[in-house]
Amino acid sequence: MSNAEFLEAAVKLDGVSISDEGEEFVATCEEEAEGKIDATKVFASARSAGLDVTNTIGDFDAGHLRVYVDKEGSE
């Protein structure tokens, strides 16, 4: 799976938006029901594409979790 395929898969996920931050993609996962934020499918899409998740930052007051994905993948 290429970067383009990762992007295509990730933007189809409910409650997820993607931005391009230079060397990384940032997937922002929005709060779902009962105050839960689930990034499992973003992690799975990155793993399927051979890309590494480099950081995860939650802002629970704002109701989102940001998942940082390295565009270069595993070395």
PDB file of N, CA and C in Angstrom:
ATOM      1  N   MET A   1       0.858  -1.179   0.000  1.00  0.00           N
ATOM      2  CA  MET A   1       0.000   0.000   0.000  1.00  0.00           C
ATOM      3  C   MET A   1       0.896   1.232   0.000  1.00  0.00           C
ATOM      4  N   SER A   2       0.604   2.180  -0.825  1.00  0.00           N
ATOM      5  CA  SER A   2       1.391   3.407  -0.927  1.00  0.00           C
ATOM      6  C   SER A   2       0.825   4.486  -0.006  1.00  0.00           C
ATOM      7  N   ASN A   3       1.547   5.617   0.057  1.00  0.00           N
ATOM      8  CA  ASN A   3       1.040   6.756   0.819  1.00  0.00           C
ATOM      9  C   ASN A   3      -0.350   7.153   0.326  1.00  0.00           C
ATOM     10  N   ALA A   4      -0.537   7.163  -0.998  1.00  0.00           N
ATOM     11  CA  ALA A   4      -1.834   7.545  -1.567  1.00  0.00           C
ATOM     12  C   ALA A   4      -2.928   6.582  -1.124  1.00  0.00           C
ATOM     13  N   GLU A   5      -2.611   5.303  -1.096  1.00  0.00           N
ATOM     14  CA  GLU A   5      -3.596   4.313  -0.663  1.00  0.00           C
ATOM     15  C   GLU A   5      -3.899   4.456   0.829  1.00  0.00           C
ATOM     16  N   PHE A   6      -2.873   4.777   1.639  1.00  0.00           N
ATOM     17  CA  PHE A   6      -3.107   5.036   3.064  1.00  0.00           C
ATOM     18  C   PHE A   6      -4.062   6.212   3.221  1.00  0.00           C
ATOM     19  N   LEU A   7      -3.800   7.294   2.492  1.00  0.00           N
ATOM     20  CA  LEU A   7      -4.656   8.474   2.579  1.00  0.00           C
ATOM     21  C   LEU A   7      -6.087   8.147   2.174  1.00  0.00           C
ATOM     22  N   GLU A   8      -6.230   7.414   1.088  1.00  0.00           N
ATOM     23  CA  GLU A   8      -7.561   7.051   0.612  1.00  0.00           C
ATOM     24  C   GLU A   8      -8.309   6.225   1.654  1.00  0.00           C
ATOM     25  N   ALA A   9      -7.624   5.268   2.265  1.00  0.00           N
ATOM     26  CA  ALA A   9      -8.257   4.431   3.292  1.00  0.00           C
ATOM     27  C   ALA A   9      -8.595   5.243   4.537  1.00  0.00           C
ATOM     28  N   ALA A  10      -7.691   6.103   4.960  1.00  0.00           N
ATOM     29  CA  ALA A  10      -7.880   6.855   6.202  1.00  0.00           C
ATOM     30  C   ALA A  10      -9.000   7.884   6.098  1.00  0.00           C
ATOM     31  N   VAL A  11      -9.122   8.562   4.966  1.00  0.00           N
ATOM     32  CA  VAL A  11     -10.169   9.584   4.842  1.00  0.00           C
ATOM     33  C   VAL A  11     -11.563   8.971   4.765  1.00  0.00           C
ATOM     34  N   LYS A  12     -11.646   7.696   4.458  1.00  0.00           N
ATOM     35  CA  LYS A  12     -12.943   7.015   4.427  1.00  0.00           C
ATOM     36  C   LYS A  12     -13.429   6.628   5.820  1.00  0.00           C
ATOM     37  N   LEU A  13     -12.551   6.721   6.811  1.00  0.00           N
ATOM     38  CA  LEU A  13     -12.923   6.335   8.168  1.00  0.00           C
ATOM     39  C   LEU A  13     -13.812   7.403   8.799  1.00  0.00           C
ATOM     40  N   ASP A  14     -14.861   6.968   9.454  1.00  0.00           N
ATOM     41  CA  ASP A  14     -15.753   7.901  10.141  1.00  0.00           C
ATOM     42  C   ASP A  14     -15.009   8.616  11.254  1.00  0.00           C
ATOM     43  N   GLY A  15     -15.191   9.925  11.337  1.00  0.00           N
ATOM     44  CA  GLY A  15     -14.616  10.703  12.423  1.00  0.00           C
ATOM     45  C   GLY A  15     -13.133  10.966  12.317  1.00  0.00           C
ATOM     46  N   VAL A  16     -12.542  10.741  11.122  1.00  0.00           N
ATOM     47  CA  VAL A  16     -11.102  10.935  10.935  1.00  0.00           C
ATOM     48  C   VAL A  16     -10.872  11.954   9.824  1.00  0.00           C
ATOM     49  N   SER A  17      -9.996  12.921  10.093  1.00  0.00           N
ATOM     50  CA  SER A  17      -9.555  13.852   9.053  1.00  0.00           C
ATOM     51  C   SER A  17      -8.040  13.738   8.939  1.00  0.00           C
ATOM     52  N   ILE A  18      -7.519  13.994   7.746  1.00  0.00           N
ATOM     53  CA  ILE A  18      -6.094  13.827   7.475  1.00  0.00           C
ATOM     54  C   ILE A  18      -5.505  15.146   7.008  1.00  0.00           C
ATOM     55  N   SER A  19      -4.310  15.462   7.520  1.00  0.00           N
ATOM     56  CA  SER A  19      -3.571  16.618   7.012  1.00  0.00           C
ATOM     57  C   SER A  19      -2.148  16.179   6.680  1.00  0.00           C
ATOM     58  N   ASP A  20      -1.534  16.902   5.769  1.00  0.00           N
ATOM     59  CA  ASP A  20      -0.165  16.630   5.337  1.00  0.00           C
ATOM     60  C   ASP A  20       0.735  17.656   6.009  1.00  0.00           C
ATOM     61  N   GLU A  21       1.628  17.184   6.869  1.00  0.00           N
ATOM     62  CA  GLU A  21       2.499  18.068   7.649  1.00  0.00           C
ATOM     63  C   GLU A  21       3.965  17.910   7.231  1.00  0.00           C
ATOM     64  N   GLY A  22       4.213  17.845   5.927  1.00  0.00           N
ATOM     65  CA  GLY A  22       5.587  17.720   5.439  1.00  0.00           C
ATOM     66  C   GLY A  22       6.058  16.282   5.446  1.00  0.00           C
ATOM     67  N   GLU A  23       6.808  15.888   6.468  1.00  0.00           N
ATOM     68  CA  GLU A  23       7.343  14.524   6.550  1.00  0.00           C
ATOM     69  C   GLU A  23       6.354  13.539   7.158  1.00  0.00           C
ATOM     70  N   GLU A  24       5.226  14.052   7.652  1.00  0.00           N
ATOM     71  CA  GLU A  24       4.247  13.197   8.313  1.00  0.00           C
ATOM     72  C   GLU A  24       2.831  13.516   7.844  1.00  0.00           C
ATOM     73  N   PHE A  25       1.980  12.505   7.954  1.00  0.00           N
ATOM     74  CA  PHE A  25       0.542  12.709   7.867  1.00  0.00           C
ATOM     75  C   PHE A  25       0.046  12.812   9.299  1.00  0.00           C
ATOM     76  N   VAL A  26      -0.965  13.636   9.524  1.00  0.00           N
ATOM     77  CA  VAL A  26      -1.586  13.713  10.838  1.00  0.00           C
ATOM     78  C   VAL A  26      -3.049  13.325  10.673  1.00  0.00           C
ATOM     79  N   ALA A  27      -3.419  12.228  11.332  1.00  0.00           N
ATOM     80  CA  ALA A  27      -4.807  11.776  11.328  1.00  0.00           C
ATOM     81  C   ALA A  27      -5.440  12.245  12.629  1.00  0.00           C
ATOM     82  N   THR A  28      -6.466  13.066  12.516  1.00  0.00           N
ATOM     83  CA  THR A  28      -7.169  13.557  13.697  1.00  0.00           C
ATOM     84  C   THR A  28      -8.446  12.750  13.862  1.00  0.00           C
ATOM     85  N   CYS A  29      -8.516  12.027  14.976  1.00  0.00           N
ATOM     86  CA  CYS A  29      -9.665  11.182  15.283  1.00  0.00           C
ATOM     87  C   CYS A  29     -10.555  11.926  16.265  1.00  0.00           C
ATOM     88  N   GLU A  30     -11.804  12.122  15.889  1.00  0.00           N
ATOM     89  CA  GLU A  30     -12.751  12.864  16.723  1.00  0.00           C
ATOM     90  C   GLU A  30     -13.444  11.934  17.714  1.00  0.00           C
ATOM     91  N   GLU A  31     -13.900  12.528  18.799  1.00  0.00           N
ATOM     92  CA  GLU A  31     -14.603  11.796  19.848  1.00  0.00           C
ATOM     93  C   GLU A  31     -15.867  11.151  19.295  1.00  0.00           C
ATOM     94  N   GLU A  32     -16.075   9.891  19.702  1.00  0.00           N
ATOM     95  CA  GLU A  32     -17.276   9.161  19.313  1.00  0.00           C
ATOM     96  C   GLU A  32     -18.247   9.169  20.496  1.00  0.00           C
ATOM     97  N   ALA A  33     -19.201   8.295  20.479  1.00  0.00           N
ATOM     98  CA  ALA A  33     -20.189   8.191  21.553  1.00  0.00           C
ATOM     99  C   ALA A  33     -19.529   7.834  22.886  1.00  0.00           C
ATOM    100  N   GLU A  34     -20.152   8.248  23.957  1.00  0.00           N
ATOM    101  CA  GLU A  34     -19.693   7.973  25.316  1.00  0.00           C
ATOM    102  C   GLU A  34     -18.279   8.462  25.594  1.00  0.00           C
ATOM    103  N   GLY A  35     -17.828   9.494  24.903  1.00  0.00           N
ATOM    104  CA  GLY A  35     -16.521  10.075  25.188  1.00  0.00           C
ATOM    105  C   GLY A  35     -15.336   9.240  24.746  1.00  0.00           C
ATOM    106  N   LYS A  36     -15.542   8.271  23.856  1.00  0.00           N
ATOM    107  CA  LYS A  36     -14.450   7.412  23.395  1.00  0.00           C
ATOM    108  C   LYS A  36     -13.834   7.963  22.115  1.00  0.00           C
ATOM    109  N   ILE A  37     -12.513   7.798  22.013  1.00  0.00           N
ATOM    110  CA  ILE A  37     -11.786   8.154  20.794  1.00  0.00           C
ATOM    111  C   ILE A  37     -11.034   6.901  20.364  1.00  0.00           C
ATOM    112  N   ASP A  38     -11.361   6.384  19.190  1.00  0.00           N
ATOM    113  CA  ASP A  38     -10.769   5.135  18.720  1.00  0.00           C
ATOM    114  C   ASP A  38      -9.913   5.387  17.483  1.00  0.00           C
ATOM    115  N   ALA A  39      -8.621   5.111  17.600  1.00  0.00           N
ATOM    116  CA  ALA A  39      -7.692   5.298  16.486  1.00  0.00           C
ATOM    117  C   ALA A  39      -7.214   3.964  15.920  1.00  0.00           C
ATOM    118  N   THR A  40      -7.846   2.877  16.313  1.00  0.00           N
ATOM    119  CA  THR A  40      -7.416   1.536  15.910  1.00  0.00           C
ATOM    120  C   THR A  40      -7.313   1.384  14.397  1.00  0.00           C
ATOM    121  N   LYS A  41      -8.304   1.883  13.664  1.00  0.00           N
ATOM    122  CA  LYS A  41      -8.304   1.712  12.207  1.00  0.00           C
ATOM    123  C   LYS A  41      -7.238   2.570  11.537  1.00  0.00           C
ATOM    124  N   VAL A  42      -6.885   3.704  12.140  1.00  0.00           N
ATOM    125  CA  VAL A  42      -5.787   4.523  11.602  1.00  0.00           C
ATOM    126  C   VAL A  42      -4.474   3.762  11.765  1.00  0.00           C
ATOM    127  N   PHE A  43      -4.256   3.172  12.955  1.00  0.00           N
ATOM    128  CA  PHE A  43      -3.053   2.374  13.185  1.00  0.00           C
ATOM    129  C   PHE A  43      -2.994   1.205  12.205  1.00  0.00           C
ATOM    130  N   ALA A  44      -4.118   0.528  11.984  1.00  0.00           N
ATOM    131  CA  ALA A  44      -4.161  -0.615  11.069  1.00  0.00           C
ATOM    132  C   ALA A  44      -3.866  -0.184   9.635  1.00  0.00           C
ATOM    133  N   SER A  45      -4.411   0.957   9.217  1.00  0.00           N
ATOM    134  CA  SER A  45      -4.152   1.453   7.857  1.00  0.00           C
ATOM    135  C   SER A  45      -2.681   1.799   7.672  1.00  0.00           C
ATOM    136  N   ALA A  46      -2.081   2.426   8.679  1.00  0.00           N
ATOM    137  CA  ALA A  46      -0.651   2.760   8.609  1.00  0.00           C
ATOM    138  C   ALA A  46       0.188   1.489   8.535  1.00  0.00           C
ATOM    139  N   ARG A  47      -0.129   0.526   9.380  1.00  0.00           N
ATOM    140  CA  ARG A  47       0.615  -0.735   9.404  1.00  0.00           C
ATOM    141  C   ARG A  47       0.499  -1.453   8.061  1.00  0.00           C
ATOM    142  N   SER A  48      -0.704  -1.487   7.486  1.00  0.00           N
ATOM    143  CA  SER A  48      -0.913  -2.137   6.184  1.00  0.00           C
ATOM    144  C   SER A  48      -0.114  -1.463   5.080  1.00  0.00           C
ATOM    145  N   ALA A  49       0.094  -0.151   5.219  1.00  0.00           N
ATOM    146  CA  ALA A  49       0.852   0.610   4.224  1.00  0.00           C
ATOM    147  C   ALA A  49       2.351   0.533   4.463  1.00  0.00           C
ATOM    148  N   GLY A  50       2.775  -0.117   5.554  1.00  0.00           N
ATOM    149  CA  GLY A  50       4.195  -0.181   5.876  1.00  0.00           C
ATOM    150  C   GLY A  50       4.716   1.123   6.453  1.00  0.00           C
ATOM    151  N   LEU A  51       3.818   1.938   7.007  1.00  0.00           N
ATOM    152  CA  LEU A  51       4.197   3.226   7.579  1.00  0.00           C
ATOM    153  C   LEU A  51       4.243   3.129   9.101  1.00  0.00           C
ATOM    154  N   ASP A  52       5.079   3.968   9.708  1.00  0.00           N
ATOM    155  CA  ASP A  52       5.232   3.975  11.161  1.00  0.00           C
ATOM    156  C   ASP A  52       4.428   5.092  11.797  1.00  0.00           C
ATOM    157  N   VAL A  53       3.752   4.775  12.897  1.00  0.00           N
ATOM    158  CA  VAL A  53       3.140   5.795  13.739  1.00  0.00           C
ATOM    159  C   VAL A  53       4.250   6.309  14.642  1.00  0.00           C
ATOM    160  N   THR A  54       4.523   7.612  14.576  1.00  0.00           N
ATOM    161  CA  THR A  54       5.640   8.182  15.329  1.00  0.00           C
ATOM    162  C   THR A  54       5.218   8.858  16.617  1.00  0.00           C
ATOM    163  N   ASN A  55       3.938   9.230  16.719  1.00  0.00           N
ATOM    164  CA  ASN A  55       3.481   9.902  17.926  1.00  0.00           C
ATOM    165  C   ASN A  55       1.961   9.884  17.948  1.00  0.00           C
ATOM    166  N   THR A  56       1.417   9.953  19.136  1.00  0.00           N
ATOM    167  CA  THR A  56      -0.019  10.079  19.327  1.00  0.00           C
ATOM    168  C   THR A  56      -0.231  11.100  20.426  1.00  0.00           C
ATOM    169  N   ILE A  57      -1.023  12.130  20.146  1.00  0.00           N
ATOM    170  CA  ILE A  57      -1.260  13.193  21.124  1.00  0.00           C
ATOM    171  C   ILE A  57      -2.762  13.387  21.277  1.00  0.00           C
ATOM    172  N   GLY A  58      -3.230  13.268  22.509  1.00  0.00           N
ATOM    173  CA  GLY A  58      -4.648  13.453  22.788  1.00  0.00           C
ATOM    174  C   GLY A  58      -4.927  14.816  23.391  1.00  0.00           C
ATOM    175  N   ASP A  59      -5.993  15.430  22.941  1.00  0.00           N
ATOM    176  CA  ASP A  59      -6.524  16.643  23.563  1.00  0.00           C
ATOM    177  C   ASP A  59      -7.962  16.296  23.928  1.00  0.00           C
ATOM    178  N   PHE A  60      -8.105  15.712  25.095  1.00  0.00           N
ATOM    179  CA  PHE A  60      -9.398  15.171  25.476  1.00  0.00           C
ATOM    180  C   PHE A  60     -10.414  16.262  25.786  1.00  0.00           C
ATOM    181  N   ASP A  61      -9.948  17.433  26.199  1.00  0.00           N
ATOM    182  CA  ASP A  61     -10.871  18.557  26.399  1.00  0.00           C
ATOM    183  C   ASP A  61     -11.492  18.977  25.070  1.00  0.00           C
ATOM    184  N   ALA A  62     -10.700  18.928  24.007  1.00  0.00           N
ATOM    185  CA  ALA A  62     -11.193  19.281  22.670  1.00  0.00           C
ATOM    186  C   ALA A  62     -11.889  18.099  21.990  1.00  0.00           C
ATOM    187  N   GLY A  63     -11.723  16.895  22.541  1.00  0.00           N
ATOM    188  CA  GLY A  63     -12.394  15.720  21.998  1.00  0.00           C
ATOM    189  C   GLY A  63     -11.744  15.120  20.777  1.00  0.00           C
ATOM    190  N   HIS A  64     -10.403  15.164  20.711  1.00  0.00           N
ATOM    191  CA  HIS A  64      -9.743  14.510  19.585  1.00  0.00           C
ATOM    192  C   HIS A  64      -8.374  13.940  19.972  1.00  0.00           C
ATOM    193  N   LEU A  65      -7.919  13.044  19.119  1.00  0.00           N
ATOM    194  CA  LEU A  65      -6.628  12.382  19.258  1.00  0.00           C
ATOM    195  C   LEU A  65      -5.919  12.515  17.925  1.00  0.00           C
ATOM    196  N   ARG A  66      -4.665  12.959  17.951  1.00  0.00           N
ATOM    197  CA  ARG A  66      -3.895  13.098  16.713  1.00  0.00           C
ATOM    198  C   ARG A  66      -2.876  11.965  16.628  1.00  0.00           C
ATOM    199  N   VAL A  67      -2.867  11.304  15.475  1.00  0.00           N
ATOM    200  CA  VAL A  67      -1.945  10.201  15.207  1.00  0.00           C
ATOM    201  C   VAL A  67      -0.999  10.667  14.107  1.00  0.00           C
ATOM    202  N   TYR A  68       0.300  10.670  14.404  1.00  0.00           N
ATOM    203  CA  TYR A  68       1.325  11.132  13.467  1.00  0.00           C
ATOM    204  C   TYR A  68       1.921   9.920  12.763  1.00  0.00           C
ATOM    205  N   VAL A  69       1.888   9.941  11.427  1.00  0.00           N
ATOM    206  CA  VAL A  69       2.335   8.810  10.610  1.00  0.00           C
ATOM    207  C   VAL A  69       3.466   9.272   9.701  1.00  0.00           C
ATOM    208  N   ASP A  70       4.633   8.626   9.834  1.00  0.00           N
ATOM    209  CA  ASP A  70       5.809   8.942   9.023  1.00  0.00           C
ATOM    210  C   ASP A  70       5.577   8.478   7.588  1.00  0.00           C
ATOM    211  N   LYS A  71       5.741   9.369   6.636  1.00  0.00           N
ATOM    212  CA  LYS A  71       5.521   9.046   5.223  1.00  0.00           C
ATOM    213  C   LYS A  71       6.548   8.071   4.665  1.00  0.00           C
ATOM    214  N   GLU A  72       7.721   8.011   5.263  1.00  0.00           N
ATOM    215  CA  GLU A  72       8.801   7.176   4.727  1.00  0.00           C
ATOM    216  C   GLU A  72       8.644   5.706   5.076  1.00  0.00           C
ATOM    217  N   GLY A  73       7.908   5.387   6.111  1.00  0.00           N
ATOM    218  CA  GLY A  73       7.707   3.997   6.485  1.00  0.00           C
ATOM    219  C   GLY A  73       8.868   3.426   7.257  1.00  0.00           C
ATOM    220  N   SER A  74       8.817   2.127   7.457  1.00  0.00           N
ATOM    221  CA  SER A  74       9.847   1.412   8.215  1.00  0.00           C
ATOM    222  C   SER A  74      11.124   1.312   7.413  1.00  0.00           C
ATOM    223  N   GLU A  75      12.243   1.376   8.134  1.00  0.00           N
ATOM    224  CA  GLU A  75      13.540   1.221   7.461  1.00  0.00           C
ATOM    225  C   GLU A  75      14.169  -0.090   7.824  1.00  0.00           C
TER     226      GLU A  75
END
